[in-house]
Full PDB file with SEQRES, HELIX, SHEET, SSBOND, CRYST1, ORIGX, SCALE, CONECT and MASTER records, all heavy atoms in Angstrom:
SEQRES   1 A   33  ARG ILE THR GLU THR ARG TRP PHE VAL ARG LYS HIS ASP          
SEQRES   2 A   33  GLU VAL ALA ARG SER THR TRP SER ARG LYS SER VAL GLY          
SEQRES   3 A   33  SER ALA ALA ASN CYS ALA ALA                                  
HELIX    1 AA1 ILE A    2  GLU A    4  5                                   3    
HELIX    2 AA2 ARG A    6  LYS A   11  1                                   6    
HELIX    3 AA3 ARG A   17  TRP A   20  1                                   4    
CRYST1    1.000    1.000    1.000  90.00  90.00  90.00 P 1           1          
ORIGX1      1.000000  0.000000  0.000000        0.00000                         
ORIGX2      0.000000  1.000000  0.000000        0.00000                         
ORIGX3      0.000000  0.000000  1.000000        0.00000                         
SCALE1      1.000000  0.000000  0.000000        0.00000                         
SCALE2      0.000000  1.000000  0.000000        0.00000                         
SCALE3      0.000000  0.000000  1.000000        0.00000                         
ATOM      1  N   ARG A   1      -0.988  -2.668  13.461  1.00  0.00           N  
ATOM      2  CA  ARG A   1      -1.272  -3.580  12.322  1.00  0.00           C  
ATOM      3  C   ARG A   1      -1.648  -4.958  12.850  1.00  0.00           C  
ATOM      4  O   ARG A   1      -0.907  -5.511  13.687  1.00  0.00           O  
ATOM      5  CB  ARG A   1      -0.032  -3.678  11.498  1.00  0.00           C  
ATOM      6  CG  ARG A   1       0.399  -2.362  10.819  1.00  0.00           C  
ATOM      7  CD  ARG A   1       1.738  -2.556  10.047  1.00  0.00           C  
ATOM      8  NE  ARG A   1       2.228  -1.310   9.529  1.00  0.00           N  
ATOM      9  CZ  ARG A   1       1.904  -0.782   8.325  1.00  0.00           C  
ATOM     10  NH1 ARG A   1       1.020  -1.419   7.551  1.00  0.00           N  
ATOM     11  NH2 ARG A   1       2.369   0.352   7.954  1.00  0.00           N  
ATOM     12  N   ILE A   2      -2.728  -5.483  12.340  1.00  0.00           N  
ATOM     13  CA  ILE A   2      -3.126  -6.809  12.692  1.00  0.00           C  
ATOM     14  C   ILE A   2      -2.037  -7.809  12.333  1.00  0.00           C  
ATOM     15  O   ILE A   2      -1.780  -8.760  13.065  1.00  0.00           O  
ATOM     16  CB  ILE A   2      -4.468  -7.172  11.951  1.00  0.00           C  
ATOM     17  CG1 ILE A   2      -5.590  -6.259  12.431  1.00  0.00           C  
ATOM     18  CG2 ILE A   2      -4.799  -8.623  12.068  1.00  0.00           C  
ATOM     19  CD1 ILE A   2      -6.814  -6.286  11.604  1.00  0.00           C  
ATOM     20  N   THR A   3      -1.315  -7.519  11.264  1.00  0.00           N  
ATOM     21  CA  THR A   3      -0.218  -8.395  10.788  1.00  0.00           C  
ATOM     22  C   THR A   3       0.904  -8.422  11.816  1.00  0.00           C  
ATOM     23  O   THR A   3       1.764  -9.325  11.691  1.00  0.00           O  
ATOM     24  CB  THR A   3       0.286  -7.968   9.433  1.00  0.00           C  
ATOM     25  OG1 THR A   3       0.742  -6.635   9.469  1.00  0.00           O  
ATOM     26  CG2 THR A   3      -0.801  -8.119   8.405  1.00  0.00           C  
ATOM     27  N   GLU A   4       0.991  -7.543  12.759  1.00  0.00           N  
ATOM     28  CA  GLU A   4       2.013  -7.524  13.765  1.00  0.00           C  
ATOM     29  C   GLU A   4       1.685  -8.321  15.015  1.00  0.00           C  
ATOM     30  O   GLU A   4       2.504  -8.474  15.980  1.00  0.00           O  
ATOM     31  CB  GLU A   4       2.339  -6.109  14.224  1.00  0.00           C  
ATOM     32  CG  GLU A   4       2.960  -5.318  13.035  1.00  0.00           C  
ATOM     33  CD  GLU A   4       3.167  -3.852  13.396  1.00  0.00           C  
ATOM     34  OE1 GLU A   4       2.610  -3.404  14.463  1.00  0.00           O  
ATOM     35  OE2 GLU A   4       3.812  -3.164  12.657  1.00  0.00           O  
ATOM     36  N   THR A   5       0.477  -8.838  15.127  1.00  0.00           N  
ATOM     37  CA  THR A   5       0.049  -9.555  16.342  1.00  0.00           C  
ATOM     38  C   THR A   5       0.631 -11.018  16.282  1.00  0.00           C  
ATOM     39  O   THR A   5       0.787 -11.578  15.205  1.00  0.00           O  
ATOM     40  CB  THR A   5      -1.483  -9.645  16.489  1.00  0.00           C  
ATOM     41  OG1 THR A   5      -2.028 -10.370  15.372  1.00  0.00           O  
ATOM     42  CG2 THR A   5      -2.106  -8.258  16.530  1.00  0.00           C  
ATOM     43  N   ARG A   6       0.885 -11.520  17.451  1.00  0.00           N  
ATOM     44  CA  ARG A   6       1.358 -12.921  17.527  1.00  0.00           C  
ATOM     45  C   ARG A   6       0.386 -13.883  16.914  1.00  0.00           C  
ATOM     46  O   ARG A   6       0.754 -14.861  16.253  1.00  0.00           O  
ATOM     47  CB  ARG A   6       1.663 -13.299  18.987  1.00  0.00           C  
ATOM     48  CG  ARG A   6       2.853 -12.654  19.555  1.00  0.00           C  
ATOM     49  CD  ARG A   6       3.131 -13.125  20.990  1.00  0.00           C  
ATOM     50  NE  ARG A   6       4.188 -12.367  21.559  1.00  0.00           N  
ATOM     51  CZ  ARG A   6       4.582 -12.511  22.769  1.00  0.00           C  
ATOM     52  NH1 ARG A   6       4.061 -13.404  23.542  1.00  0.00           N  
ATOM     53  NH2 ARG A   6       5.617 -11.803  23.240  1.00  0.00           N  
ATOM     54  N   TRP A   7      -0.927 -13.606  17.143  1.00  0.00           N  
ATOM     55  CA  TRP A   7      -1.943 -14.481  16.547  1.00  0.00           C  
ATOM     56  C   TRP A   7      -1.814 -14.519  15.100  1.00  0.00           C  
ATOM     57  O   TRP A   7      -1.850 -15.590  14.500  1.00  0.00           O  
ATOM     58  CB  TRP A   7      -3.333 -13.926  16.970  1.00  0.00           C  
ATOM     59  CG  TRP A   7      -4.476 -14.558  16.312  1.00  0.00           C  
ATOM     60  CD1 TRP A   7      -5.044 -15.785  16.594  1.00  0.00           C  
ATOM     61  CD2 TRP A   7      -5.106 -14.149  15.120  1.00  0.00           C  
ATOM     62  NE1 TRP A   7      -6.056 -16.108  15.704  1.00  0.00           N  
ATOM     63  CE2 TRP A   7      -6.082 -15.073  14.805  1.00  0.00           C  
ATOM     64  CE3 TRP A   7      -4.973 -13.009  14.279  1.00  0.00           C  
ATOM     65  CZ2 TRP A   7      -6.956 -14.971  13.668  1.00  0.00           C  
ATOM     66  CZ3 TRP A   7      -5.801 -12.891  13.233  1.00  0.00           C  
ATOM     67  CH2 TRP A   7      -6.756 -13.828  12.878  1.00  0.00           C  
ATOM     68  N   PHE A   8      -1.734 -13.338  14.433  1.00  0.00           N  
ATOM     69  CA  PHE A   8      -1.635 -13.313  12.935  1.00  0.00           C  
ATOM     70  C   PHE A   8      -0.368 -14.052  12.470  1.00  0.00           C  
ATOM     71  O   PHE A   8      -0.413 -14.868  11.512  1.00  0.00           O  
ATOM     72  CB  PHE A   8      -1.576 -11.859  12.412  1.00  0.00           C  
ATOM     73  CG  PHE A   8      -1.525 -11.801  10.921  1.00  0.00           C  
ATOM     74  CD1 PHE A   8      -2.670 -11.702  10.175  1.00  0.00           C  
ATOM     75  CD2 PHE A   8      -0.272 -11.836  10.262  1.00  0.00           C  
ATOM     76  CE1 PHE A   8      -2.640 -11.650   8.781  1.00  0.00           C  
ATOM     77  CE2 PHE A   8      -0.228 -11.787   8.880  1.00  0.00           C  
ATOM     78  CZ  PHE A   8      -1.391 -11.667   8.170  1.00  0.00           C  
ATOM     79  N   VAL A   9       0.741 -13.793  13.073  1.00  0.00           N  
ATOM     80  CA  VAL A   9       2.037 -14.409  12.719  1.00  0.00           C  
ATOM     81  C   VAL A   9       1.904 -15.917  12.852  1.00  0.00           C  
ATOM     82  O   VAL A   9       2.304 -16.694  11.955  1.00  0.00           O  
ATOM     83  CB  VAL A   9       3.160 -13.857  13.539  1.00  0.00           C  
ATOM     84  CG1 VAL A   9       4.492 -14.650  13.286  1.00  0.00           C  
ATOM     85  CG2 VAL A   9       3.389 -12.391  13.223  1.00  0.00           C  
ATOM     86  N   ARG A  10       1.328 -16.362  13.922  1.00  0.00           N  
ATOM     87  CA  ARG A  10       1.158 -17.856  14.153  1.00  0.00           C  
ATOM     88  C   ARG A  10       0.236 -18.499  13.143  1.00  0.00           C  
ATOM     89  O   ARG A  10       0.489 -19.521  12.611  1.00  0.00           O  
ATOM     90  CB  ARG A  10       0.638 -18.094  15.605  1.00  0.00           C  
ATOM     91  CG  ARG A  10       0.637 -19.507  16.004  1.00  0.00           C  
ATOM     92  CD  ARG A  10       0.241 -19.727  17.467  1.00  0.00           C  
ATOM     93  NE  ARG A  10      -1.103 -19.154  17.771  1.00  0.00           N  
ATOM     94  CZ  ARG A  10      -1.383 -18.070  18.446  1.00  0.00           C  
ATOM     95  NH1 ARG A  10      -0.424 -17.341  18.941  1.00  0.00           N  
ATOM     96  NH2 ARG A  10      -2.597 -17.672  18.666  1.00  0.00           N  
ATOM     97  N   LYS A  11      -0.857 -17.769  12.772  1.00  0.00           N  
ATOM     98  CA  LYS A  11      -1.831 -18.294  11.832  1.00  0.00           C  
ATOM     99  C   LYS A  11      -1.289 -18.334  10.421  1.00  0.00           C  
ATOM    100  O   LYS A  11      -1.782 -19.053   9.573  1.00  0.00           O  
ATOM    101  CB  LYS A  11      -3.112 -17.536  11.847  1.00  0.00           C  
ATOM    102  CG  LYS A  11      -3.892 -17.651  13.134  1.00  0.00           C  
ATOM    103  CD  LYS A  11      -4.330 -19.063  13.457  1.00  0.00           C  
ATOM    104  CE  LYS A  11      -5.592 -19.405  12.773  1.00  0.00           C  
ATOM    105  NZ  LYS A  11      -6.050 -20.791  13.131  1.00  0.00           N  
ATOM    106  N   HIS A  12      -0.244 -17.518  10.139  1.00  0.00           N  
ATOM    107  CA  HIS A  12       0.277 -17.398   8.739  1.00  0.00           C  
ATOM    108  C   HIS A  12       1.710 -17.868   8.665  1.00  0.00           C  
ATOM    109  O   HIS A  12       2.402 -17.580   7.706  1.00  0.00           O  
ATOM    110  CB  HIS A  12       0.140 -15.938   8.289  1.00  0.00           C  
ATOM    111  CG  HIS A  12      -1.292 -15.522   8.175  1.00  0.00           C  
ATOM    112  ND1 HIS A  12      -2.009 -15.028   9.208  1.00  0.00           N  
ATOM    113  CD2 HIS A  12      -2.123 -15.527   7.072  1.00  0.00           C  
ATOM    114  CE1 HIS A  12      -3.257 -14.755   8.794  1.00  0.00           C  
ATOM    115  NE2 HIS A  12      -3.301 -15.037   7.516  1.00  0.00           N  
ATOM    116  N   ASP A  13       2.222 -18.619   9.645  1.00  0.00           N  
ATOM    117  CA  ASP A  13       3.598 -19.003   9.690  1.00  0.00           C  
ATOM    118  C   ASP A  13       4.021 -19.894   8.535  1.00  0.00           C  
ATOM    119  O   ASP A  13       5.217 -19.952   8.204  1.00  0.00           O  
ATOM    120  CB  ASP A  13       3.960 -19.658  11.025  1.00  0.00           C  
ATOM    121  CG  ASP A  13       3.243 -20.956  11.274  1.00  0.00           C  
ATOM    122  OD1 ASP A  13       2.320 -21.310  10.596  1.00  0.00           O  
ATOM    123  OD2 ASP A  13       3.619 -21.621  12.250  1.00  0.00           O  
ATOM    124  N   GLU A  14       3.073 -20.563   7.895  1.00  0.00           N  
ATOM    125  CA  GLU A  14       3.412 -21.426   6.759  1.00  0.00           C  
ATOM    126  C   GLU A  14       3.385 -20.681   5.455  1.00  0.00           C  
ATOM    127  O   GLU A  14       3.726 -21.245   4.394  1.00  0.00           O  
ATOM    128  CB  GLU A  14       2.487 -22.629   6.706  1.00  0.00           C  
ATOM    129  CG  GLU A  14       1.019 -22.318   6.219  1.00  0.00           C  
ATOM    130  CD  GLU A  14       0.150 -21.710   7.325  1.00  0.00           C  
ATOM    131  OE1 GLU A  14       0.577 -21.502   8.421  1.00  0.00           O  
ATOM    132  OE2 GLU A  14      -1.063 -21.406   6.993  1.00  0.00           O  
ATOM    133  N   VAL A  15       3.046 -19.441   5.428  1.00  0.00           N  
ATOM    134  CA  VAL A  15       3.019 -18.618   4.194  1.00  0.00           C  
ATOM    135  C   VAL A  15       4.387 -18.043   3.943  1.00  0.00           C  
ATOM    136  O   VAL A  15       4.983 -17.307   4.779  1.00  0.00           O  
ATOM    137  CB  VAL A  15       1.988 -17.507   4.319  1.00  0.00           C  
ATOM    138  CG1 VAL A  15       1.969 -16.654   3.032  1.00  0.00           C  
ATOM    139  CG2 VAL A  15       0.594 -18.037   4.539  1.00  0.00           C  
ATOM    140  N   ALA A  16       4.974 -18.342   2.777  1.00  0.00           N  
ATOM    141  CA  ALA A  16       6.289 -17.925   2.477  1.00  0.00           C  
ATOM    142  C   ALA A  16       6.301 -16.355   2.278  1.00  0.00           C  
ATOM    143  O   ALA A  16       5.329 -15.776   1.807  1.00  0.00           O  
ATOM    144  CB  ALA A  16       6.739 -18.498   1.196  1.00  0.00           C  
ATOM    145  N   ARG A  17       7.361 -15.696   2.739  1.00  0.00           N  
ATOM    146  CA  ARG A  17       7.508 -14.240   2.566  1.00  0.00           C  
ATOM    147  C   ARG A  17       7.328 -13.806   1.129  1.00  0.00           C  
ATOM    148  O   ARG A  17       6.764 -12.757   0.875  1.00  0.00           O  
ATOM    149  CB  ARG A  17       8.847 -13.764   3.033  1.00  0.00           C  
ATOM    150  CG  ARG A  17       8.964 -13.727   4.571  1.00  0.00           C  
ATOM    151  CD  ARG A  17      10.233 -13.026   4.952  1.00  0.00           C  
ATOM    152  NE  ARG A  17      10.362 -12.902   6.364  1.00  0.00           N  
ATOM    153  CZ  ARG A  17       9.992 -11.817   7.053  1.00  0.00           C  
ATOM    154  NH1 ARG A  17       9.508 -10.766   6.386  1.00  0.00           N  
ATOM    155  NH2 ARG A  17      10.073 -11.815   8.348  1.00  0.00           N  
ATOM    156  N   SER A  18       7.738 -14.575   0.214  1.00  0.00           N  
ATOM    157  CA  SER A  18       7.620 -14.252  -1.229  1.00  0.00           C  
ATOM    158  C   SER A  18       6.137 -14.160  -1.651  1.00  0.00           C  
ATOM    159  O   SER A  18       5.800 -13.451  -2.584  1.00  0.00           O  
ATOM    160  CB  SER A  18       8.341 -15.283  -2.082  1.00  0.00           C  
ATOM    161  OG  SER A  18       7.834 -16.563  -1.885  1.00  0.00           O  
ATOM    162  N   THR A  19       5.276 -14.926  -0.957  1.00  0.00           N  
ATOM    163  CA  THR A  19       3.832 -14.891  -1.295  1.00  0.00           C  
ATOM    164  C   THR A  19       3.285 -13.438  -1.042  1.00  0.00           C  
ATOM    165  O   THR A  19       2.531 -12.963  -1.867  1.00  0.00           O  
ATOM    166  CB  THR A  19       3.062 -15.901  -0.439  1.00  0.00           C  
ATOM    167  OG1 THR A  19       3.593 -17.190  -0.669  1.00  0.00           O  
ATOM    168  CG2 THR A  19       1.558 -15.909  -0.774  1.00  0.00           C  
ATOM    169  N   TRP A  20       3.660 -12.830   0.031  1.00  0.00           N  
ATOM    170  CA  TRP A  20       3.143 -11.505   0.381  1.00  0.00           C  
ATOM    171  C   TRP A  20       3.523 -10.444  -0.677  1.00  0.00           C  
ATOM    172  O   TRP A  20       2.779  -9.502  -0.910  1.00  0.00           O  
ATOM    173  CB  TRP A  20       3.694 -10.988   1.703  1.00  0.00           C  
ATOM    174  CG  TRP A  20       3.422 -11.900   2.851  1.00  0.00           C  
ATOM    175  CD1 TRP A  20       4.360 -12.426   3.670  1.00  0.00           C  
ATOM    176  CD2 TRP A  20       2.172 -12.397   3.365  1.00  0.00           C  
ATOM    177  NE1 TRP A  20       3.731 -13.220   4.671  1.00  0.00           N  
ATOM    178  CE2 TRP A  20       2.391 -13.198   4.508  1.00  0.00           C  
ATOM    179  CE3 TRP A  20       0.863 -12.174   2.943  1.00  0.00           C  
ATOM    180  CZ2 TRP A  20       1.375 -13.820   5.186  1.00  0.00           C  
ATOM    181  CZ3 TRP A  20      -0.197 -12.832   3.649  1.00  0.00           C  
ATOM    182  CH2 TRP A  20       0.070 -13.622   4.788  1.00  0.00           C  
ATOM    183  N   SER A  21       4.636 -10.663  -1.372  1.00  0.00           N  
ATOM    184  CA  SER A  21       5.086  -9.618  -2.361  1.00  0.00           C  
ATOM    185  C   SER A  21       4.614  -9.936  -3.768  1.00  0.00           C  
ATOM    186  O   SER A  21       4.897  -9.108  -4.660  1.00  0.00           O  
ATOM    187  CB  SER A  21       6.625  -9.555  -2.281  1.00  0.00           C  
ATOM    188  OG  SER A  21       7.251 -10.761  -2.588  1.00  0.00           O  
ATOM    189  N   ARG A  22       3.864 -10.956  -3.940  1.00  0.00           N  
ATOM    190  CA  ARG A  22       3.293 -11.275  -5.289  1.00  0.00           C  
ATOM    191  C   ARG A  22       2.374 -10.106  -5.661  1.00  0.00           C  
ATOM    192  O   ARG A  22       1.632  -9.548  -4.791  1.00  0.00           O  
ATOM    193  CB  ARG A  22       2.492 -12.524  -5.284  1.00  0.00           C  
ATOM    194  CG  ARG A  22       3.276 -13.801  -5.173  1.00  0.00           C  
ATOM    195  CD  ARG A  22       2.435 -15.002  -5.216  1.00  0.00           C  
ATOM    196  NE  ARG A  22       3.166 -16.182  -4.873  1.00  0.00           N  
ATOM    197  CZ  ARG A  22       2.658 -17.347  -4.548  1.00  0.00           C  
ATOM    198  NH1 ARG A  22       1.332 -17.479  -4.514  1.00  0.00           N  
ATOM    199  NH2 ARG A  22       3.416 -18.334  -4.265  1.00  0.00           N  
ATOM    200  N   LYS A  23       2.370  -9.732  -6.888  1.00  0.00           N  
ATOM    201  CA  LYS A  23       1.513  -8.662  -7.390  1.00  0.00           C  
ATOM    202  C   LYS A  23       0.043  -8.976  -7.104  1.00  0.00           C  
ATOM    203  O   LYS A  23      -0.757  -8.108  -6.777  1.00  0.00           O  
ATOM    204  CB  LYS A  23       1.716  -8.448  -8.906  1.00  0.00           C  
ATOM    205  CG  LYS A  23       1.031  -7.271  -9.445  1.00  0.00           C  
ATOM    206  CD  LYS A  23       1.341  -7.041 -10.941  1.00  0.00           C  
ATOM    207  CE  LYS A  23       0.621  -5.794 -11.410  1.00  0.00           C  
ATOM    208  NZ  LYS A  23       0.929  -5.522 -12.811  1.00  0.00           N  
ATOM    209  N   SER A  24      -0.340 -10.261  -7.186  1.00  0.00           N  
ATOM    210  CA  SER A  24      -1.689 -10.643  -6.986  1.00  0.00           C  
ATOM    211  C   SER A  24      -2.096 -10.616  -5.464  1.00  0.00           C  
ATOM    212  O   SER A  24      -3.299 -10.662  -5.152  1.00  0.00           O  
ATOM    213  CB  SER A  24      -1.922 -12.053  -7.505  1.00  0.00           C  
ATOM    214  OG  SER A  24      -0.975 -12.977  -6.877  1.00  0.00           O  
ATOM    215  N   VAL A  25      -1.095 -10.479  -4.577  1.00  0.00           N  
ATOM    216  CA  VAL A  25      -1.439 -10.445  -3.155  1.00  0.00           C  
ATOM    217  C   VAL A  25      -1.148  -9.059  -2.615  1.00  0.00           C  
ATOM    218  O   VAL A  25      -1.989  -8.414  -1.976  1.00  0.00           O  
ATOM    219  CB  VAL A  25      -0.568 -11.476  -2.401  1.00  0.00           C  
ATOM    220  CG1 VAL A  25      -0.766 -11.304  -0.855  1.00  0.00           C  
ATOM    221  CG2 VAL A  25      -0.899 -12.859  -2.819  1.00  0.00           C  
ATOM    222  N   GLY A  26       0.053  -8.466  -2.893  1.00  0.00           N  
ATOM    223  CA  GLY A  26       0.364  -7.117  -2.551  1.00  0.00           C  
ATOM    224  C   GLY A  26       1.033  -7.028  -1.143  1.00  0.00           C  
ATOM    225  O   GLY A  26       2.085  -6.406  -1.055  1.00  0.00           O  
ATOM    226  N   SER A  27       0.382  -7.504  -0.144  1.00  0.00           N  
ATOM    227  CA  SER A  27       0.951  -7.496   1.217  1.00  0.00           C  
ATOM    228  C   SER A  27       0.176  -8.450   2.109  1.00  0.00           C  
ATOM    229  O   SER A  27      -0.938  -8.897   1.771  1.00  0.00           O  
ATOM    230  CB  SER A  27       0.949  -6.101   1.779  1.00  0.00           C  
ATOM    231  OG  SER A  27      -0.318  -5.723   2.243  1.00  0.00           O  
ATOM    232  N   ALA A  28       0.677  -8.652   3.305  1.00  0.00           N  
ATOM    233  CA  ALA A  28      -0.007  -9.461   4.315  1.00  0.00           C  
ATOM    234  C   ALA A  28      -1.293  -8.819   4.778  1.00  0.00           C  
ATOM    235  O   ALA A  28      -2.235  -9.494   5.240  1.00  0.00           O  
ATOM    236  CB  ALA A  28       0.902  -9.719   5.468  1.00  0.00           C  
ATOM    237  N   ALA A  29      -1.406  -7.514   4.538  1.00  0.00           N  
ATOM    238  CA  ALA A  29      -2.653  -6.809   4.898  1.00  0.00           C  
ATOM    239  C   ALA A  29      -3.829  -6.980   3.972  1.00  0.00           C  
ATOM    240  O   ALA A  29      -4.956  -6.626   4.261  1.00  0.00           O  
ATOM    241  CB  ALA A  29      -2.327  -5.308   5.073  1.00  0.00           C  
ATOM    242  N   ASN A  30      -3.555  -7.583   2.850  1.00  0.00           N  
ATOM    243  CA  ASN A  30      -4.610  -7.735   1.818  1.00  0.00           C  
ATOM    244  C   ASN A  30      -5.271  -9.146   2.010  1.00  0.00           C  
ATOM    245  O   ASN A  30      -5.127 -10.041   1.299  1.00  0.00           O  
ATOM    246  CB  ASN A  30      -4.034  -7.718   0.413  1.00  0.00           C  
ATOM    247  CG  ASN A  30      -5.121  -7.752  -0.636  1.00  0.00           C  
ATOM    248  OD1 ASN A  30      -6.294  -7.692  -0.328  1.00  0.00           O  
ATOM    249  ND2 ASN A  30      -4.696  -7.948  -1.862  1.00  0.00           N  
ATOM    250  N   CYS A  31      -6.102  -9.213   3.101  1.00  0.00           N  
ATOM    251  CA  CYS A  31      -6.704 -10.479   3.450  1.00  0.00           C  
ATOM    252  C   CYS A  31      -7.565 -11.085   2.326  1.00  0.00           C  
ATOM    253  O   CYS A  31      -7.485 -12.303   2.130  1.00  0.00           O  
ATOM    254  CB  CYS A  31      -7.680 -10.254   4.649  1.00  0.00           C  
ATOM    255  SG  CYS A  31      -6.882  -9.539   6.074  1.00  0.00           S  
ATOM    256  N   ALA A  32      -8.214 -10.206   1.581  1.00  0.00           N  
ATOM    257  CA  ALA A  32      -9.101 -10.694   0.534  1.00  0.00           C  
ATOM    258  C   ALA A  32      -8.365 -11.390  -0.579  1.00  0.00           C  
ATOM    259  O   ALA A  32      -8.991 -12.120  -1.351  1.00  0.00           O  
ATOM    260  CB  ALA A  32      -9.949  -9.560   0.029  1.00  0.00           C  
ATOM    261  N   ALA A  33      -7.106 -11.179  -0.715  1.00  0.00           N  
ATOM    262  CA  ALA A  33      -6.324 -11.832  -1.804  1.00  0.00           C  
ATOM    263  C   ALA A  33      -6.435 -13.365  -1.680  1.00  0.00           C  
ATOM    264  O   ALA A  33      -6.508 -14.062  -2.700  1.00  0.00           O  
ATOM    265  CB  ALA A  33      -4.852 -11.407  -1.777  1.00  0.00           C  
TER     266      ALA A  33                                                      
MASTER        0    0    0    3    0    0    0    6  265    1    0    3          
END                                                                             
C-alpha cells in the first residue's frame, strides 16, 4: 500500500485520522477525494 510508505505518512501527517473515515473520503487510499 502506498499509504504504508514513510513518504506518504510524512506527507499526510497533518491529516487527522478522523478525516480518513469520513464518508466523503472513505480511506487514505482515495487520493481523488
